[in-house]
Protein backbone atom coordinates (compact mmCIF):
# COMPACT_ATOMS: atom_id res chain seq x y z
CA MET A 1 -0.23 0.04 -0.40
CA ASP A 2 1.47 3.25 -0.95
CA PHE A 3 0.86 6.34 0.51
CA GLY A 4 -1.58 7.68 -1.95
CA THR A 5 -4.32 4.67 -0.79
CA ILE A 6 -3.69 6.23 3.10
CA GLY A 7 -5.76 9.09 2.24
CA ASN A 8 -8.81 7.35 1.23
CA VAL A 9 -8.95 4.51 4.07
CA VAL A 10 -8.59 7.63 6.84
CA GLY A 11 -11.22 9.78 4.52
CA ILE A 12 -13.15 6.93 5.53
CA THR A 13 -12.67 7.07 9.41
CA VAL A 14 -13.24 10.37 9.18
CA ILE A 15 -16.21 10.42 8.11
CA CYS A 16 -17.81 7.36 10.65
CA TYR A 17 -16.17 9.75 13.27
CA LEU A 18 -18.26 12.45 12.02
CA ALA A 19 -20.55 9.52 12.48
CA ALA A 20 -20.19 8.52 15.55
CA MET A 21 -20.30 12.18 17.25
CA ALA A 22 -23.72 12.36 15.44
CA VAL A 23 -24.85 9.31 17.22
CA ARG A 24 -24.35 10.37 20.46
CA ALA A 25 -25.67 13.53 20.19
CA THR A 26 -29.03 11.84 19.93
CA THR A 27 -31.20 9.61 22.81
CA LEU A 28 -29.67 6.67 21.01
CA ASP A 29 -27.49 4.37 23.81
CA ASN A 30 -23.76 5.02 23.11
CA LYS A 31 -23.56 0.56 22.73
CA TRP A 32 -24.64 0.67 19.43
CA ILE A 33 -21.31 3.54 18.42
CA PRO A 34 -19.33 0.71 17.41
CA VAL A 35 -22.09 -1.00 14.68
CA ILE A 36 -23.21 2.23 13.37
CA CYS A 37 -19.38 3.18 12.69
CA GLY A 38 -18.48 -0.24 11.65
CA LEU A 39 -21.65 -0.53 9.10
CA THR A 40 -20.74 3.16 8.31
CA GLY A 41 -17.73 2.22 7.25
CA GLY A 42 -18.33 -1.25 5.46
CA ILE A 43 -20.74 1.08 2.90
CA LEU A 44 -18.54 4.07 1.96
CA GLY A 45 -15.66 0.84 1.80
CA ALA A 46 -17.57 -0.47 -1.16
CA ILE A 47 -18.50 3.40 -2.58
CA GLY A 48 -14.69 4.07 -2.15
CA MET A 49 -13.96 1.34 -4.33
CA ARG A 50 -15.91 2.02 -6.98
CA PHE A 51 -14.82 5.48 -7.66
CA MET A 52 -11.69 6.41 -5.20
CA PRO A 53 -8.37 5.79 -7.70
CA ASN A 54 -6.29 3.46 -6.08
CA TYR A 55 -8.49 2.43 -4.10
CA PRO A 56 -6.31 -0.19 -1.47
CA ALA A 57 -9.23 -3.22 -2.39
CA ASP A 58 -10.43 -4.60 -6.38
CA ASP A 59 -12.86 -6.91 -4.83
CA TYR A 60 -15.96 -5.56 -3.08
CA ILE A 61 -15.40 -8.07 -0.69
CA SER A 62 -12.32 -6.51 0.65
CA ALA A 63 -13.21 -2.52 0.77
CA ILE A 64 -15.93 -3.49 2.97
CA ALA A 65 -13.63 -5.16 4.62
CA VAL A 66 -11.24 -1.86 4.27
CA GLY A 67 -14.25 0.11 5.19
CA ILE A 68 -15.11 -2.07 8.44
CA VAL A 69 -11.62 -2.04 10.10
CA SER A 70 -11.18 2.12 9.19
CA GLY A 71 -14.78 2.48 10.84
CA LEU A 72 -14.25 0.87 13.49
CA ALA A 73 -10.82 2.59 14.26
CA ALA A 74 -12.67 5.92 14.94
CA THR A 75 -14.10 4.27 17.45
CA GLY A 76 -10.71 3.29 18.66
CA SER A 77 -8.88 6.41 18.08
CA HIS A 78 -12.17 8.09 20.20
CA GLN A 79 -11.36 5.56 23.28
CA ILE A 80 -7.74 6.35 22.90
CA TYR A 81 -8.17 10.07 23.47
CA LYS A 82 -10.70 9.14 25.66
CA GLN A 83 -8.48 6.90 28.17
CA MET A 84 -5.42 9.35 27.50
CA SER A 85 -7.74 12.67 28.62
CA LYS A 86 -9.49 10.67 31.79
CA LYS A 87 -5.14 9.10 32.71
CA GLN A 88 -4.43 12.68 32.25
CA ASP A 89 -7.34 14.41 34.35
CA SER A 90 -6.64 11.72 37.21
CA ARG A 91 -2.20 12.78 37.28
CA LYS A 92 -3.63 16.28 37.78
CA GLY A 93 -6.04 15.23 40.84
CA ASP A 94 -2.73 13.30 42.18
CA ASP A 95 -1.08 16.24 42.43
CA ALA A 96 -3.36 18.11 43.63
CA SER A 97 -4.01 15.51 46.74
CA GLU A 98 -0.27 15.08 47.30
CA GLN A 99 0.01 18.68 47.46
CA ILE A 100 -2.92 18.74 50.37
CA THR A 101 -1.65 15.71 52.47
CA ALA A 102 2.23 17.46 52.16
CA GLU A 103 0.15 20.82 53.91
CA ASP A 104 -1.49 18.98 56.13
CA GLY A 105 1.43 17.01 57.46
CA GLY A 106 3.04 20.72 57.61
CA SER A 107 0.51 21.58 59.61
CA ASP A 108 0.55 18.82 61.78
CA ALA A 109 4.55 18.90 62.94
CA GLY A 110 4.54 22.20 64.45
CA LYS A 111 1.85 21.19 66.84
């Protein structure tokens, strides 16, 4: 796969990510987002094979599989971002609790 085909796959991933954000804005349960991203990616993969030059698949089964993986990558990339931001928030909380403990220890030492 050359670098020209990566743009096609990334395009599908971005569209699926936007579809997932649109679903999150509705009342639909979030457990359906990976399924919706996979289906959207599969459909876009089949369409992409037909209309995009240098698409990384030559038949519809492979094109749909590339699309599904690209759609699920959108869900995975969101989860990675979410987990990384959660870790950073917990680190900030740990720093604050250490600071409070140090301040409490300092005030107890003078007693």
